[in-house]
Amino acid sequence: MEQKGDGEVIGSMAVELDSTGETGFLYDLYVNPENRRRGIASELIKAAIDDLGNAEKTSSFTCKIKNKNTDSKALFTKLGFRKSLDYDEDNSFYYTLFV
């Protein structure tokens, strides 16, 4: 996603499908600090879901969120993701959205 006008990249996110094409993984979501709280992260997530959700087999999207990252947990929960699995190695949790 780019800011209109000067072409500055203000946010990014990586997206990958599993080998079956049934699950999309969202990771490395980042928005520049000066551009946060403007809906950019939500737009990135929704765009990924819309793009990959059109694939015939894709039925869910999953992301891993560190327990201390309360902003990300709130954002993904607001978008319909639900905590699906604990991951104790680095105190993170998986959140999943079924489409």
C-alpha atoms as a PDB file:
ATOM      1  CA  MET A   1       0.000   0.000   0.000  1.00  0.00           C
ATOM      2  CA  GLU A   2       1.356   3.417  -0.849  1.00  0.00           C
ATOM      3  CA  GLN A   3       0.431   6.856   0.331  1.00  0.00           C
ATOM      4  CA  LYS A   4      -1.066   8.867  -2.503  1.00  0.00           C
ATOM      5  CA  GLY A   5       1.118  11.551  -3.945  1.00  0.00           C
ATOM      6  CA  ASP A   6       4.717  10.811  -3.079  1.00  0.00           C
ATOM      7  CA  GLY A   7       4.735   6.999  -3.398  1.00  0.00           C
ATOM      8  CA  GLU A   8       6.065   6.443   0.126  1.00  0.00           C
ATOM      9  CA  VAL A   9       5.372   2.910   1.365  1.00  0.00           C
ATOM     10  CA  ILE A  10       3.451   3.251   4.621  1.00  0.00           C
ATOM     11  CA  GLY A  11       2.517  -0.354   5.334  1.00  0.00           C
ATOM     12  CA  SER A  12       3.164  -3.915   4.302  1.00  0.00           C
ATOM     13  CA  MET A  13       2.184  -7.487   5.073  1.00  0.00           C
ATOM     14  CA  ALA A  14       3.280 -10.908   3.832  1.00  0.00           C
ATOM     15  CA  VAL A  15       0.672 -13.467   2.795  1.00  0.00           C
ATOM     16  CA  GLU A  16       1.152 -17.117   1.903  1.00  0.00           C
ATOM     17  CA  LEU A  17      -1.107 -20.077   1.139  1.00  0.00           C
ATOM     18  CA  ASP A  18      -0.406 -23.533   2.520  1.00  0.00           C
ATOM     19  CA  SER A  19       0.341 -26.356   0.068  1.00  0.00           C
ATOM     20  CA  THR A  20      -3.349 -27.317  -0.190  1.00  0.00           C
ATOM     21  CA  GLY A  21      -4.522 -23.760  -0.837  1.00  0.00           C
ATOM     22  CA  GLU A  22      -7.009 -24.057   2.017  1.00  0.00           C
ATOM     23  CA  THR A  23      -5.307 -21.832   4.600  1.00  0.00           C
ATOM     24  CA  GLY A  24      -3.825 -18.384   4.148  1.00  0.00           C
ATOM     25  CA  PHE A  25      -1.137 -17.227   6.548  1.00  0.00           C
ATOM     26  CA  LEU A  26      -0.814 -13.512   7.308  1.00  0.00           C
ATOM     27  CA  TYR A  27       2.455 -12.337   8.834  1.00  0.00           C
ATOM     28  CA  ASP A  28       4.908  -9.467   9.168  1.00  0.00           C
ATOM     29  CA  LEU A  29       2.168  -6.830   9.277  1.00  0.00           C
ATOM     30  CA  TYR A  30       3.780  -3.420   9.633  1.00  0.00           C
ATOM     31  CA  VAL A  31       2.575   0.171   9.394  1.00  0.00           C
ATOM     32  CA  ASN A  32       4.952   3.115   9.850  1.00  0.00           C
ATOM     33  CA  PRO A  33       4.405   4.612  13.321  1.00  0.00           C
ATOM     34  CA  GLU A  34       3.407   8.041  11.948  1.00  0.00           C
ATOM     35  CA  ASN A  35       0.645   6.406   9.875  1.00  0.00           C
ATOM     36  CA  ARG A  36      -0.881   4.151  12.532  1.00  0.00           C
ATOM     37  CA  ARG A  37      -4.456   4.454  13.790  1.00  0.00           C
ATOM     38  CA  ARG A  38      -5.699   5.397  10.298  1.00  0.00           C
ATOM     39  CA  GLY A  39      -7.141   2.036   9.226  1.00  0.00           C
ATOM     40  CA  ILE A  40      -4.175   1.037   7.081  1.00  0.00           C
ATOM     41  CA  ALA A  41      -3.573  -2.304   8.833  1.00  0.00           C
ATOM     42  CA  SER A  42      -7.262  -3.160   8.481  1.00  0.00           C
ATOM     43  CA  GLU A  43      -7.131  -2.318   4.770  1.00  0.00           C
ATOM     44  CA  LEU A  44      -4.083  -4.549   4.256  1.00  0.00           C
ATOM     45  CA  ILE A  45      -5.710  -7.484   6.051  1.00  0.00           C
ATOM     46  CA  LYS A  46      -9.047  -7.069   4.246  1.00  0.00           C
ATOM     47  CA  ALA A  47      -7.309  -6.827   0.867  1.00  0.00           C
ATOM     48  CA  ALA A  48      -5.389 -10.055   1.510  1.00  0.00           C
ATOM     49  CA  ILE A  49      -8.565 -11.847   2.561  1.00  0.00           C
ATOM     50  CA  ASP A  50     -10.466 -10.527  -0.450  1.00  0.00           C
ATOM     51  CA  ASP A  51      -7.689 -11.477  -2.877  1.00  0.00           C
ATOM     52  CA  LEU A  52      -6.964 -14.945  -1.490  1.00  0.00           C
ATOM     53  CA  GLY A  53     -10.540 -15.555  -0.384  1.00  0.00           C
ATOM     54  CA  ASN A  54     -11.512 -15.593  -4.032  1.00  0.00           C
ATOM     55  CA  ALA A  55      -9.399 -18.703  -4.473  1.00  0.00           C
ATOM     56  CA  GLU A  56     -11.744 -21.668  -4.662  1.00  0.00           C
ATOM     57  CA  LYS A  57     -10.210 -23.716  -1.831  1.00  0.00           C
ATOM     58  CA  THR A  58      -9.235 -21.035   0.709  1.00  0.00           C
ATOM     59  CA  SER A  59     -11.411 -21.517   3.786  1.00  0.00           C
ATOM     60  CA  SER A  60      -9.411 -19.896   6.586  1.00  0.00           C
ATOM     61  CA  PHE A  61      -6.759 -17.329   7.406  1.00  0.00           C
ATOM     62  CA  THR A  62      -4.360 -17.618  10.325  1.00  0.00           C
ATOM     63  CA  CYS A  63      -1.897 -15.278  12.003  1.00  0.00           C
ATOM     64  CA  LYS A  64       0.408 -15.547  15.004  1.00  0.00           C
ATOM     65  CA  ILE A  65       0.323 -12.698  17.523  1.00  0.00           C
ATOM     66  CA  LYS A  66       2.570 -12.203  20.529  1.00  0.00           C
ATOM     67  CA  ASN A  67       0.580 -12.105  23.740  1.00  0.00           C
ATOM     68  CA  LYS A  68       1.963  -8.674  24.679  1.00  0.00           C
ATOM     69  CA  ASN A  69       0.784  -7.134  21.373  1.00  0.00           C
ATOM     70  CA  THR A  70      -2.627  -6.002  22.575  1.00  0.00           C
ATOM     71  CA  ASP A  71      -3.180  -3.685  19.597  1.00  0.00           C
ATOM     72  CA  SER A  72      -2.808  -6.528  17.083  1.00  0.00           C
ATOM     73  CA  LYS A  73      -4.993  -8.854  19.136  1.00  0.00           C
ATOM     74  CA  ALA A  74      -7.723  -6.196  19.247  1.00  0.00           C
ATOM     75  CA  LEU A  75      -7.436  -5.471  15.514  1.00  0.00           C
ATOM     76  CA  PHE A  76      -7.629  -9.093  14.374  1.00  0.00           C
ATOM     77  CA  THR A  77     -10.463  -9.820  16.825  1.00  0.00           C
ATOM     78  CA  LYS A  78     -12.376  -6.810  15.486  1.00  0.00           C
ATOM     79  CA  LEU A  79     -11.967  -8.239  11.970  1.00  0.00           C
ATOM     80  CA  GLY A  80     -13.489 -11.581  13.025  1.00  0.00           C
ATOM     81  CA  PHE A  81     -10.401 -13.614  13.905  1.00  0.00           C
ATOM     82  CA  ARG A  82     -10.640 -15.826  17.000  1.00  0.00           C
ATOM     83  CA  LYS A  83      -7.886 -17.225  19.198  1.00  0.00           C
ATOM     84  CA  SER A  84      -7.432 -20.780  17.984  1.00  0.00           C
ATOM     85  CA  LEU A  85      -4.253 -22.165  19.474  1.00  0.00           C
ATOM     86  CA  ASP A  86      -1.741 -21.311  22.180  1.00  0.00           C
ATOM     87  CA  TYR A  87       1.900 -21.253  21.178  1.00  0.00           C
ATOM     88  CA  ASP A  88       4.098 -21.186  24.265  1.00  0.00           C
ATOM     89  CA  GLU A  89       7.539 -21.084  22.623  1.00  0.00           C
ATOM     90  CA  ASP A  90       7.558 -17.277  22.434  1.00  0.00           C
ATOM     91  CA  ASN A  91       4.338 -16.504  24.332  1.00  0.00           C
ATOM     92  CA  SER A  92       2.330 -16.112  21.132  1.00  0.00           C
ATOM     93  CA  PHE A  93      -1.110 -17.220  20.059  1.00  0.00           C
ATOM     94  CA  TYR A  94      -2.657 -18.171  16.742  1.00  0.00           C
ATOM     95  CA  TYR A  95      -5.777 -16.348  15.602  1.00  0.00           C
ATOM     96  CA  THR A  96      -7.937 -17.772  12.798  1.00  0.00           C
ATOM     97  CA  LEU A  97     -10.716 -16.476  10.581  1.00  0.00           C
ATOM     98  CA  PHE A  98     -12.947 -18.954   8.753  1.00  0.00           C
ATOM     99  CA  VAL A  99     -14.453 -17.688   5.505  1.00  0.00           C
END
